[in-house]
Amino acid sequence: MSVTKKLGRPRTFDYDTALLQAMAVFWEKGYDGASMRDLTGAMGITGPSLYAAFGDKRGLYLKTIDHYCSADACTPLVVLEGEENIEPALHGFLVEVIRSATEHESGAKGCFLASSVVASVGQVDGVAERVEDAIADTERRLTARFEREIDKGTLPATFPARERAALLFDIRQGYMFRGRAGLSRECMLKDVPERVAMLLSN
């Protein structure tokens, strides 16, 4: 007796694009404010397709957070880590932060984590751990970049790498807040050289 395995319908939408569209809805309306109708409408898919690909609303929400942390939030860090010299590395990091705060492809402004996700900490299981991990990982990589300069001798051995990493993280969040508030990219770029000088001061 032969058994024919019934195959499901092939996916007819782009997974990453749909995830980005869902993130834009959560970004604008928050977790509680985003209805399934809002999400399926923005993603251009049916309810069954959403559940099949992403799980329930919570599962979709957590996937948008993971996507943001692995892609958008890491782009400035890649710039910082890829530039050999620390001054242009910091400049490039802040410029990329400002770009993502004002020109995100979803149309939203600011930082998804700071603008929307933190409001659901303690309310949606899995969110607090992701936010804590994102902060810890970012500060670890920022600290490592300053320590690399200490090892090279371009920064003194007494340079407070961890403290400046925390300051750089806070400056990043400040730019994200300004972007959310509607400040222009050009306005924020004017302050970048002074921020870089402050971060490297002894």
N, C-alpha and C. Protein backbone atom coordinates (compact mmCIF):
# COMPACT_ATOMS: atom_id res chain seq x y z
N MET A 1 0.85 -1.20 0.00
CA MET A 1 0.00 0.00 0.00
C MET A 1 0.88 1.24 0.00
N SER A 2 0.68 2.12 -0.94
CA SER A 2 1.50 3.33 -1.01
C SER A 2 0.77 4.47 -0.31
N VAL A 3 1.58 5.29 0.35
CA VAL A 3 1.01 6.43 1.05
C VAL A 3 1.56 7.70 0.43
N THR A 4 0.69 8.54 0.00
CA THR A 4 1.11 9.81 -0.60
C THR A 4 1.06 10.90 0.45
N LYS A 5 2.19 11.53 0.69
CA LYS A 5 2.26 12.59 1.70
C LYS A 5 1.67 13.87 1.13
N LYS A 6 0.75 14.42 1.85
CA LYS A 6 0.09 15.64 1.40
C LYS A 6 0.96 16.84 1.77
N LEU A 7 1.33 17.58 0.78
CA LEU A 7 2.18 18.74 1.00
C LEU A 7 1.33 19.99 1.21
N GLY A 8 1.79 20.86 2.08
CA GLY A 8 1.10 22.12 2.28
C GLY A 8 1.33 23.05 1.10
N ARG A 9 0.54 24.07 1.04
CA ARG A 9 0.72 25.04 -0.05
C ARG A 9 2.05 25.76 0.11
N PRO A 10 2.73 26.02 -1.00
CA PRO A 10 3.99 26.76 -0.90
C PRO A 10 3.72 28.19 -0.44
N ARG A 11 4.67 28.73 0.27
CA ARG A 11 4.52 30.10 0.77
C ARG A 11 4.48 31.06 -0.41
N THR A 12 3.51 31.97 -0.41
CA THR A 12 3.34 32.87 -1.54
C THR A 12 3.72 34.32 -1.18
N PHE A 13 4.47 34.49 -0.10
CA PHE A 13 4.90 35.83 0.28
C PHE A 13 6.34 35.78 0.75
N ASP A 14 6.99 36.92 0.76
CA ASP A 14 8.37 37.00 1.20
C ASP A 14 8.39 37.12 2.73
N TYR A 15 9.04 36.18 3.37
CA TYR A 15 9.04 36.10 4.84
C TYR A 15 9.62 37.36 5.46
N ASP A 16 10.80 37.77 5.01
CA ASP A 16 11.47 38.93 5.62
C ASP A 16 10.70 40.22 5.39
N THR A 17 10.11 40.36 4.20
CA THR A 17 9.31 41.56 3.92
C THR A 17 8.09 41.60 4.83
N ALA A 18 7.43 40.47 4.99
CA ALA A 18 6.25 40.40 5.85
C ALA A 18 6.63 40.71 7.30
N LEU A 19 7.79 40.24 7.72
CA LEU A 19 8.26 40.50 9.09
C LEU A 19 8.52 41.99 9.29
N LEU A 20 9.10 42.62 8.30
CA LEU A 20 9.35 44.06 8.37
C LEU A 20 8.05 44.84 8.43
N GLN A 21 7.06 44.40 7.67
CA GLN A 21 5.76 45.06 7.67
C GLN A 21 5.05 44.90 9.02
N ALA A 22 5.20 43.73 9.62
CA ALA A 22 4.62 43.51 10.94
C ALA A 22 5.32 44.37 11.98
N MET A 23 6.63 44.49 11.87
CA MET A 23 7.38 45.31 12.79
C MET A 23 6.92 46.76 12.73
N ALA A 24 6.64 47.25 11.54
CA ALA A 24 6.17 48.63 11.38
C ALA A 24 4.85 48.84 12.12
N VAL A 25 3.98 47.83 12.09
CA VAL A 25 2.69 47.93 12.79
C VAL A 25 2.92 47.97 14.30
N PHE A 26 3.73 47.04 14.81
CA PHE A 26 4.03 47.01 16.24
C PHE A 26 4.72 48.30 16.68
N TRP A 27 5.59 48.81 15.82
CA TRP A 27 6.34 50.03 16.11
C TRP A 27 5.39 51.21 16.29
N GLU A 28 4.40 51.26 15.42
CA GLU A 28 3.45 52.39 15.45
C GLU A 28 2.40 52.23 16.56
N LYS A 29 1.87 51.02 16.73
CA LYS A 29 0.72 50.83 17.60
C LYS A 29 1.02 50.12 18.92
N GLY A 30 2.23 49.58 19.06
CA GLY A 30 2.55 48.80 20.24
C GLY A 30 1.96 47.41 20.15
N TYR A 31 2.35 46.56 21.09
CA TYR A 31 1.88 45.17 21.05
C TYR A 31 0.37 45.09 21.26
N ASP A 32 -0.14 45.75 22.29
CA ASP A 32 -1.57 45.66 22.59
C ASP A 32 -2.41 46.33 21.52
N GLY A 33 -1.91 47.44 20.96
CA GLY A 33 -2.70 48.19 19.98
C GLY A 33 -2.74 47.57 18.60
N ALA A 34 -1.83 46.66 18.33
CA ALA A 34 -1.79 46.02 17.01
C ALA A 34 -2.75 44.84 16.96
N SER A 35 -3.79 44.94 16.17
CA SER A 35 -4.75 43.85 16.05
C SER A 35 -4.29 42.88 14.96
N MET A 36 -4.86 41.70 14.97
CA MET A 36 -4.54 40.73 13.93
C MET A 36 -4.95 41.26 12.56
N ARG A 37 -6.03 42.02 12.51
CA ARG A 37 -6.44 42.61 11.24
C ARG A 37 -5.41 43.62 10.76
N ASP A 38 -4.88 44.43 11.70
CA ASP A 38 -3.82 45.38 11.34
C ASP A 38 -2.62 44.64 10.75
N LEU A 39 -2.24 43.56 11.41
CA LEU A 39 -1.04 42.83 11.02
C LEU A 39 -1.20 42.13 9.68
N THR A 40 -2.29 41.40 9.51
CA THR A 40 -2.49 40.69 8.25
C THR A 40 -2.68 41.68 7.10
N GLY A 41 -3.33 42.81 7.38
CA GLY A 41 -3.52 43.81 6.34
C GLY A 41 -2.20 44.40 5.89
N ALA A 42 -1.34 44.72 6.83
CA ALA A 42 -0.03 45.31 6.50
C ALA A 42 0.87 44.30 5.81
N MET A 43 0.78 43.04 6.25
CA MET A 43 1.65 41.99 5.71
C MET A 43 1.14 41.44 4.38
N GLY A 44 -0.13 41.71 4.09
CA GLY A 44 -0.72 41.23 2.84
C GLY A 44 -0.92 39.73 2.81
N ILE A 45 -1.22 39.14 3.98
CA ILE A 45 -1.43 37.70 4.06
C ILE A 45 -2.70 37.41 4.86
N THR A 46 -3.13 36.18 4.82
CA THR A 46 -4.32 35.77 5.57
C THR A 46 -3.93 35.36 6.98
N GLY A 47 -4.93 35.27 7.84
CA GLY A 47 -4.69 34.82 9.20
C GLY A 47 -4.04 33.45 9.26
N PRO A 48 -4.58 32.45 8.53
CA PRO A 48 -3.95 31.12 8.55
C PRO A 48 -2.50 31.14 8.09
N SER A 49 -2.18 31.97 7.10
CA SER A 49 -0.79 32.07 6.62
C SER A 49 0.11 32.66 7.70
N LEU A 50 -0.42 33.65 8.42
CA LEU A 50 0.36 34.24 9.51
C LEU A 50 0.66 33.20 10.58
N TYR A 51 -0.36 32.46 10.99
CA TYR A 51 -0.16 31.46 12.04
C TYR A 51 0.80 30.37 11.58
N ALA A 52 0.70 29.97 10.32
CA ALA A 52 1.55 28.90 9.80
C ALA A 52 3.02 29.32 9.75
N ALA A 53 3.25 30.58 9.40
CA ALA A 53 4.63 31.04 9.22
C ALA A 53 5.25 31.59 10.49
N PHE A 54 4.46 32.22 11.33
CA PHE A 54 5.02 32.95 12.48
C PHE A 54 4.48 32.50 13.83
N GLY A 55 3.48 31.65 13.85
CA GLY A 55 2.85 31.29 15.12
C GLY A 55 1.78 32.31 15.46
N ASP A 56 1.52 32.48 16.72
CA ASP A 56 0.49 33.44 17.13
C ASP A 56 1.04 34.86 17.16
N LYS A 57 0.25 35.80 17.64
CA LYS A 57 0.66 37.20 17.68
C LYS A 57 1.93 37.40 18.49
N ARG A 58 2.02 36.72 19.64
CA ARG A 58 3.21 36.83 20.47
C ARG A 58 4.44 36.30 19.73
N GLY A 59 4.27 35.16 19.07
CA GLY A 59 5.38 34.60 18.31
C GLY A 59 5.87 35.53 17.23
N LEU A 60 4.92 36.16 16.54
CA LEU A 60 5.28 37.13 15.51
C LEU A 60 6.01 38.32 16.11
N TYR A 61 5.52 38.81 17.23
CA TYR A 61 6.13 39.96 17.91
C TYR A 61 7.58 39.65 18.30
N LEU A 62 7.80 38.50 18.89
CA LEU A 62 9.15 38.12 19.29
C LEU A 62 10.07 37.98 18.08
N LYS A 63 9.55 37.50 16.97
CA LYS A 63 10.35 37.38 15.76
C LYS A 63 10.73 38.75 15.20
N THR A 64 9.82 39.73 15.33
CA THR A 64 10.18 41.08 14.87
C THR A 64 11.28 41.67 15.74
N ILE A 65 11.26 41.39 17.03
CA ILE A 65 12.31 41.88 17.93
C ILE A 65 13.64 41.23 17.56
N ASP A 66 13.62 39.92 17.35
CA ASP A 66 14.85 39.20 16.98
C ASP A 66 15.41 39.74 15.67
N HIS A 67 14.53 40.00 14.71
CA HIS A 67 14.97 40.52 13.43
C HIS A 67 15.61 41.89 13.59
N TYR A 68 14.99 42.74 14.37
CA TYR A 68 15.54 44.08 14.58
C TYR A 68 16.91 44.01 15.26
N CYS A 69 17.04 43.18 16.27
CA CYS A 69 18.30 43.08 17.02
C CYS A 69 19.42 42.52 16.16
N SER A 70 19.10 41.59 15.27
CA SER A 70 20.13 40.95 14.46
C SER A 70 20.48 41.74 13.21
N ALA A 71 19.62 42.63 12.80
CA ALA A 71 19.86 43.37 11.56
C ALA A 71 20.04 44.86 11.83
N ASP A 72 18.95 45.57 12.07
CA ASP A 72 18.98 47.02 12.20
C ASP A 72 19.90 47.50 13.32
N ALA A 73 19.74 46.93 14.50
CA ALA A 73 20.50 47.41 15.65
C ALA A 73 21.98 47.11 15.53
N CYS A 74 22.35 46.13 14.70
CA CYS A 74 23.75 45.76 14.57
C CYS A 74 24.50 46.55 13.52
N THR A 75 23.79 47.21 12.62
CA THR A 75 24.46 47.91 11.53
C THR A 75 25.47 48.95 12.01
N PRO A 76 25.12 49.82 12.97
CA PRO A 76 26.13 50.76 13.48
C PRO A 76 27.33 50.05 14.11
N LEU A 77 27.09 48.92 14.77
CA LEU A 77 28.17 48.17 15.40
C LEU A 77 29.11 47.60 14.35
N VAL A 78 28.57 47.14 13.24
CA VAL A 78 29.40 46.62 12.16
C VAL A 78 30.31 47.72 11.62
N VAL A 79 29.77 48.92 11.49
CA VAL A 79 30.56 50.06 11.04
C VAL A 79 31.67 50.35 12.05
N LEU A 80 31.32 50.36 13.33
CA LEU A 80 32.29 50.65 14.39
C LEU A 80 33.40 49.62 14.43
N GLU A 81 33.06 48.36 14.29
CA GLU A 81 34.05 47.30 14.38
C GLU A 81 34.87 47.14 13.11
N GLY A 82 34.32 47.58 11.99
CA GLY A 82 35.02 47.38 10.72
C GLY A 82 36.03 48.45 10.38
N GLU A 83 35.90 49.63 10.97
CA GLU A 83 36.83 50.74 10.71
C GLU A 83 38.06 50.58 11.60
N GLU A 84 39.25 50.69 11.01
CA GLU A 84 40.49 50.43 11.74
C GLU A 84 40.80 51.51 12.77
N ASN A 85 40.57 52.77 12.43
CA ASN A 85 40.93 53.87 13.32
C ASN A 85 39.71 54.30 14.15
N ILE A 86 39.94 54.56 15.43
CA ILE A 86 38.83 54.76 16.35
C ILE A 86 38.03 56.03 16.07
N GLU A 87 38.68 57.11 15.69
CA GLU A 87 37.92 58.36 15.48
C GLU A 87 36.93 58.23 14.33
N PRO A 88 37.37 57.79 13.13
CA PRO A 88 36.38 57.59 12.06
C PRO A 88 35.40 56.45 12.37
N ALA A 89 35.82 55.50 13.21
CA ALA A 89 34.91 54.41 13.59
C ALA A 89 33.75 54.96 14.41
N LEU A 90 34.06 55.81 15.38
CA LEU A 90 33.00 56.42 16.19
C LEU A 90 32.12 57.33 15.35
N HIS A 91 32.76 58.10 14.47
CA HIS A 91 31.99 58.99 13.59
C HIS A 91 31.03 58.18 12.72
N GLY A 92 31.53 57.09 12.13
CA GLY A 92 30.68 56.26 11.29
C GLY A 92 29.55 55.61 12.06
N PHE A 93 29.84 55.19 13.29
CA PHE A 93 28.82 54.59 14.15
C PHE A 93 27.68 55.58 14.38
N LEU A 94 28.02 56.80 14.78
CA LEU A 94 26.98 57.78 15.10
C LEU A 94 26.21 58.21 13.86
N VAL A 95 26.89 58.34 12.74
CA VAL A 95 26.21 58.69 11.49
C VAL A 95 25.21 57.60 11.13
N GLU A 96 25.59 56.34 11.29
CA GLU A 96 24.69 55.24 10.96
C GLU A 96 23.52 55.18 11.95
N VAL A 97 23.78 55.49 13.22
CA VAL A 97 22.70 55.57 14.21
C VAL A 97 21.68 56.62 13.79
N ILE A 98 22.17 57.79 13.41
CA ILE A 98 21.28 58.88 12.99
C ILE A 98 20.50 58.49 11.74
N ARG A 99 21.17 57.83 10.81
CA ARG A 99 20.46 57.39 9.60
C ARG A 99 19.32 56.44 9.94
N SER A 100 19.61 55.46 10.80
CA SER A 100 18.57 54.49 11.15
C SER A 100 17.47 55.12 11.99
N ALA A 101 17.79 56.19 12.72
CA ALA A 101 16.79 56.87 13.55
C ALA A 101 15.85 57.73 12.71
N THR A 102 16.29 58.13 11.53
CA THR A 102 15.51 59.07 10.73
C THR A 102 15.06 58.53 9.38
N GLU A 103 15.68 57.44 8.92
CA GLU A 103 15.39 56.97 7.57
C GLU A 103 15.17 55.46 7.51
N HIS A 104 14.55 54.88 8.53
CA HIS A 104 14.34 53.44 8.54
C HIS A 104 13.41 53.05 7.40
N GLU A 105 13.72 51.91 6.77
CA GLU A 105 12.96 51.49 5.59
C GLU A 105 11.49 51.21 5.89
N SER A 106 11.16 50.97 7.15
CA SER A 106 9.76 50.74 7.50
C SER A 106 8.96 52.03 7.54
N GLY A 107 9.67 53.17 7.57
CA GLY A 107 9.00 54.46 7.68
C GLY A 107 8.92 54.95 9.11
N ALA A 108 9.18 54.06 10.07
CA ALA A 108 9.16 54.45 11.48
C ALA A 108 10.44 55.18 11.85
N LYS A 109 10.39 55.92 12.93
CA LYS A 109 11.56 56.68 13.37
C LYS A 109 11.92 56.30 14.80
N GLY A 110 13.18 56.51 15.13
CA GLY A 110 13.66 56.18 16.46
C GLY A 110 14.15 54.75 16.53
N CYS A 111 14.05 54.14 17.68
CA CYS A 111 14.51 52.78 17.92
C CYS A 111 13.31 51.90 18.26
N PHE A 112 13.17 50.79 17.58
CA PHE A 112 12.04 49.90 17.82
C PHE A 112 12.02 49.44 19.28
N LEU A 113 13.19 49.09 19.83
CA LEU A 113 13.25 48.61 21.21
C LEU A 113 12.84 49.70 22.19
N ALA A 114 13.45 50.89 22.02
CA ALA A 114 13.21 51.97 22.97
C ALA A 114 11.85 52.62 22.78
N SER A 115 11.39 52.69 21.53
CA SER A 115 10.14 53.39 21.24
C SER A 115 8.91 52.56 21.49
N SER A 116 9.04 51.25 21.35
CA SER A 116 7.85 50.40 21.41
C SER A 116 8.01 49.19 22.32
N VAL A 117 9.07 48.43 22.11
CA VAL A 117 9.21 47.14 22.77
C VAL A 117 9.28 47.25 24.29
N VAL A 118 10.00 48.25 24.81
CA VAL A 118 10.17 48.35 26.27
C VAL A 118 8.83 48.50 26.99
N ALA A 119 7.82 49.01 26.30
CA ALA A 119 6.51 49.17 26.93
C ALA A 119 5.86 47.83 27.23
N SER A 120 6.32 46.77 26.57
CA SER A 120 5.72 45.45 26.78
C SER A 120 6.56 44.57 27.69
N VAL A 121 7.66 45.10 28.23
CA VAL A 121 8.45 44.33 29.20
C VAL A 121 7.58 44.04 30.43
N GLY A 122 7.56 42.81 30.85
CA GLY A 122 6.73 42.43 31.99
C GLY A 122 5.31 42.08 31.61
N GLN A 123 4.93 42.34 30.36
CA GLN A 123 3.58 42.04 29.91
C GLN A 123 3.55 40.91 28.88
N VAL A 124 4.61 40.80 28.10
CA VAL A 124 4.69 39.75 27.07
C VAL A 124 5.90 38.88 27.39
N ASP A 125 5.66 37.61 27.61
CA ASP A 125 6.74 36.69 27.94
C ASP A 125 7.79 36.66 26.83
N GLY A 126 9.05 36.73 27.25
CA GLY A 126 10.14 36.65 26.29
C GLY A 126 10.73 37.99 25.90
N VAL A 127 10.01 39.07 26.19
CA VAL A 127 10.48 40.39 25.78
C VAL A 127 11.60 40.90 26.68
N ALA A 128 11.42 40.79 28.00
CA ALA A 128 12.42 41.31 28.93
C ALA A 128 13.79 40.71 28.68
N GLU A 129 13.83 39.39 28.47
CA GLU A 129 15.10 38.72 28.22
C GLU A 129 15.77 39.23 26.94
N ARG A 130 14.98 39.48 25.93
CA ARG A 130 15.54 39.96 24.66
C ARG A 130 16.08 41.38 24.80
N VAL A 131 15.38 42.23 25.52
CA VAL A 131 15.85 43.60 25.72
C VAL A 131 17.14 43.60 26.54
N GLU A 132 17.16 42.81 27.62
CA GLU A 132 18.37 42.72 28.46
C GLU A 132 19.55 42.20 27.67
N ASP A 133 19.33 41.18 26.86
CA ASP A 133 20.41 40.61 26.05
C ASP A 133 20.92 41.62 25.03
N ALA A 134 20.00 42.37 24.43
CA ALA A 134 20.39 43.36 23.43
C ALA A 134 21.26 44.45 24.04
N ILE A 135 20.89 44.92 25.22
CA ILE A 135 21.67 45.95 25.90
C ILE A 135 23.04 45.42 26.29
N ALA A 136 23.07 44.23 26.88
CA ALA A 136 24.33 43.65 27.34
C ALA A 136 25.27 43.37 26.17
N ASP A 137 24.73 42.84 25.08
CA ASP A 137 25.57 42.52 23.93
C ASP A 137 26.12 43.77 23.28
N THR A 138 25.29 44.80 23.18
CA THR A 138 25.76 46.06 22.58
C THR A 138 26.86 46.69 23.42
N GLU A 139 26.66 46.77 24.72
CA GLU A 139 27.68 47.37 25.58
C GLU A 139 28.96 46.53 25.59
N ARG A 140 28.84 45.23 25.48
CA ARG A 140 30.03 44.38 25.42
C ARG A 140 30.84 44.66 24.16
N ARG A 141 30.16 44.79 23.03
CA ARG A 141 30.87 45.05 21.77
C ARG A 141 31.45 46.46 21.73
N LEU A 142 30.76 47.42 22.32
CA LEU A 142 31.29 48.78 22.38
C LEU A 142 32.55 48.82 23.26
N THR A 143 32.48 48.14 24.39
CA THR A 143 33.64 48.09 25.29
C THR A 143 34.83 47.44 24.60
N ALA A 144 34.58 46.35 23.90
CA ALA A 144 35.65 45.63 23.20
C ALA A 144 36.32 46.51 22.15
N ARG A 145 35.53 47.38 21.52
CA ARG A 145 36.12 48.26 20.48
C ARG A 145 37.08 49.27 21.10
N PHE A 146 36.72 49.83 22.26
CA PHE A 146 37.64 50.74 22.95
C PHE A 146 38.86 49.98 23.47
N GLU A 147 38.65 48.78 23.98
CA GLU A 147 39.77 48.00 24.50
C GLU A 147 40.75 47.62 23.40
N ARG A 148 40.24 47.48 22.20
CA ARG A 148 41.12 47.20 21.06
C ARG A 148 42.09 48.35 20.84
N GLU A 149 41.62 49.55 21.03
CA GLU A 149 42.49 50.72 20.87
C GLU A 149 43.49 50.82 22.01
N ILE A 150 43.08 50.41 23.21
CA ILE A 150 44.02 50.39 24.33
C ILE A 150 45.15 49.41 24.04
N ASP A 151 44.80 48.23 23.53
CA ASP A 151 45.80 47.22 23.19
C ASP A 151 46.75 47.71 22.10
N LYS A 152 46.23 48.52 21.18
CA LYS A 152 47.06 49.06 20.10
C LYS A 152 47.95 50.21 20.58
N GLY A 153 47.59 50.80 21.71
CA GLY A 153 48.36 51.92 22.23
C GLY A 153 47.87 53.28 21.76
N THR A 154 46.76 53.31 21.01
CA THR A 154 46.22 54.59 20.55
C THR A 154 45.36 55.26 21.62
N LEU A 155 44.96 54.49 22.62
CA LEU A 155 44.31 55.03 23.81
C LEU A 155 45.12 54.60 25.02
N PRO A 156 45.20 55.44 26.04
CA PRO A 156 46.01 55.09 27.22
C PRO A 156 45.45 53.91 28.00
N ALA A 157 46.32 53.25 28.74
CA ALA A 157 45.90 52.09 29.51
C ALA A 157 44.84 52.44 30.55
N THR A 158 44.83 53.71 30.96
CA THR A 158 43.86 54.16 31.96
C THR A 158 42.53 54.60 31.36
N PHE A 159 42.39 54.47 30.05
CA PHE A 159 41.15 54.90 29.39
C PHE A 159 39.98 54.08 29.91
N PRO A 160 38.89 54.73 30.33
CA PRO A 160 37.74 54.02 30.90
C PRO A 160 36.84 53.39 29.82
N ALA A 161 37.27 52.27 29.29
CA ALA A 161 36.58 51.66 28.14
C ALA A 161 35.12 51.33 28.45
N ARG A 162 34.87 50.71 29.58
CA ARG A 162 33.49 50.30 29.90
C ARG A 162 32.58 51.51 30.09
N GLU A 163 33.10 52.52 30.78
CA GLU A 163 32.30 53.72 31.03
C GLU A 163 32.00 54.47 29.73
N ARG A 164 32.99 54.56 28.83
CA ARG A 164 32.75 55.25 27.56
C ARG A 164 31.82 54.44 26.67
N ALA A 165 31.89 53.13 26.79
CA ALA A 165 30.95 52.30 26.04
C ALA A 165 29.52 52.57 26.50
N ALA A 166 29.33 52.68 27.80
CA ALA A 166 28.00 53.00 28.33
C ALA A 166 27.54 54.38 27.86
N LEU A 167 28.48 55.33 27.83
CA LEU A 167 28.15 56.68 27.37
C LEU A 167 27.78 56.65 25.89
N LEU A 168 28.53 55.90 25.10
CA LEU A 168 28.23 55.80 23.67
C LEU A 168 26.85 55.17 23.46
N PHE A 169 26.52 54.17 24.26
CA PHE A 169 25.20 53.56 24.17
C PHE A 169 24.12 54.59 24.49
N ASP A 170 24.34 55.40 25.51
CA ASP A 170 23.35 56.40 25.90
C ASP A 170 23.22 57.49 24.83
N ILE A 171 24.34 57.85 24.20
CA ILE A 171 24.28 58.82 23.10
C ILE A 171 23.46 58.24 21.95
N ARG A 172 23.67 56.97 21.68
CA ARG A 172 22.88 56.31 20.64
C ARG A 172 21.39 56.41 20.95
N GLN A 173 21.03 56.11 22.19
CA GLN A 173 19.61 56.17 22.56
C GLN A 173 19.08 57.60 22.47
N GLY A 174 19.93 58.56 22.80
CA GLY A 174 19.52 59.96 22.69
C GLY A 174 19.20 60.34 21.25
N TYR A 175 20.02 59.89 20.33
CA TYR A 175 19.76 60.17 18.92
C TYR A 175 18.47 59.48 18.46
N MET A 176 18.26 58.27 18.96
CA MET A 176 17.04 57.56 18.60
C MET A 176 15.80 58.31 19.11
N PHE A 177 15.90 58.84 20.32
CA PHE A 177 14.80 59.62 20.87
C PHE A 177 14.56 60.88 20.03
N ARG A 178 15.63 61.55 19.65
CA ARG A 178 15.50 62.74 18.82
C ARG A 178 14.87 62.41 17.47
N GLY A 179 15.26 61.27 16.90
CA GLY A 179 14.67 60.86 15.64
C GLY A 179 13.18 60.61 15.79
N ARG A 180 12.81 59.95 16.89
CA ARG A 180 11.40 59.68 17.16
C ARG A 180 10.61 60.99 17.32
N ALA A 181 11.29 62.00 17.89
CA ALA A 181 10.64 63.29 18.11
C ALA A 181 10.55 64.13 16.84
N GLY A 182 11.21 63.67 15.77
CA GLY A 182 11.08 64.37 14.49
C GLY A 182 12.23 65.28 14.12
N LEU A 183 13.32 65.29 14.91
CA LEU A 183 14.46 66.12 14.54
C LEU A 183 15.07 65.61 13.24
N SER A 184 15.59 66.51 12.45
CA SER A 184 16.10 66.14 11.14
C SER A 184 17.48 65.51 11.24
N ARG A 185 17.81 64.73 10.24
CA ARG A 185 19.13 64.10 10.15
C ARG A 185 20.22 65.17 10.13
N GLU A 186 20.01 66.22 9.35
CA GLU A 186 21.01 67.28 9.22
C GLU A 186 21.27 67.96 10.55
N CYS A 187 20.23 68.18 11.32
CA CYS A 187 20.37 68.83 12.62
C CYS A 187 21.23 67.99 13.56
N MET A 188 20.99 66.70 13.59
CA MET A 188 21.73 65.83 14.50
C MET A 188 23.17 65.60 14.05
N LEU A 189 23.41 65.59 12.76
CA LEU A 189 24.76 65.37 12.25
C LEU A 189 25.73 66.48 12.68
N LYS A 190 25.21 67.67 12.93
CA LYS A 190 26.07 68.78 13.32
C LYS A 190 26.83 68.51 14.62
N ASP A 191 26.24 67.71 15.50
CA ASP A 191 26.83 67.47 16.81
C ASP A 191 27.80 66.29 16.84
N VAL A 192 27.89 65.55 15.76
CA VAL A 192 28.70 64.33 15.77
C VAL A 192 30.17 64.57 16.09
N PRO A 193 30.84 65.54 15.47
CA PRO A 193 32.27 65.74 15.80
C PRO A 193 32.51 66.03 17.30
N GLU A 194 31.64 66.82 17.90
CA GLU A 194 31.79 67.12 19.33
C GLU A 194 31.56 65.87 20.18
N ARG A 195 30.60 65.03 19.79
CA ARG A 195 30.35 63.79 20.53
C ARG A 195 31.56 62.87 20.45
N VAL A 196 32.16 62.77 19.27
CA VAL A 196 33.33 61.92 19.10
C VAL A 196 34.49 62.42 19.96
N ALA A 197 34.71 63.73 19.95
CA ALA A 197 35.79 64.32 20.76
C ALA A 197 35.56 64.05 22.25
N MET A 198 34.33 64.15 22.70
CA MET A 198 34.01 63.90 24.09
C MET A 198 34.26 62.45 24.47
N LEU A 199 33.90 61.53 23.58
CA LEU A 199 34.08 60.11 23.86
C LEU A 199 35.54 59.71 23.97
N LEU A 200 36.42 60.44 23.28
CA LEU A 200 37.83 60.10 23.28
C LEU A 200 38.67 60.94 24.23
N SER A 201 38.04 61.87 24.92
CA SER A 201 38.80 62.75 25.81
C SER A 201 39.34 61.98 27.01
N ASN A 202 40.49 62.41 27.51
CA ASN A 202 41.10 61.77 28.68
C ASN A 202 40.68 62.47 29.97
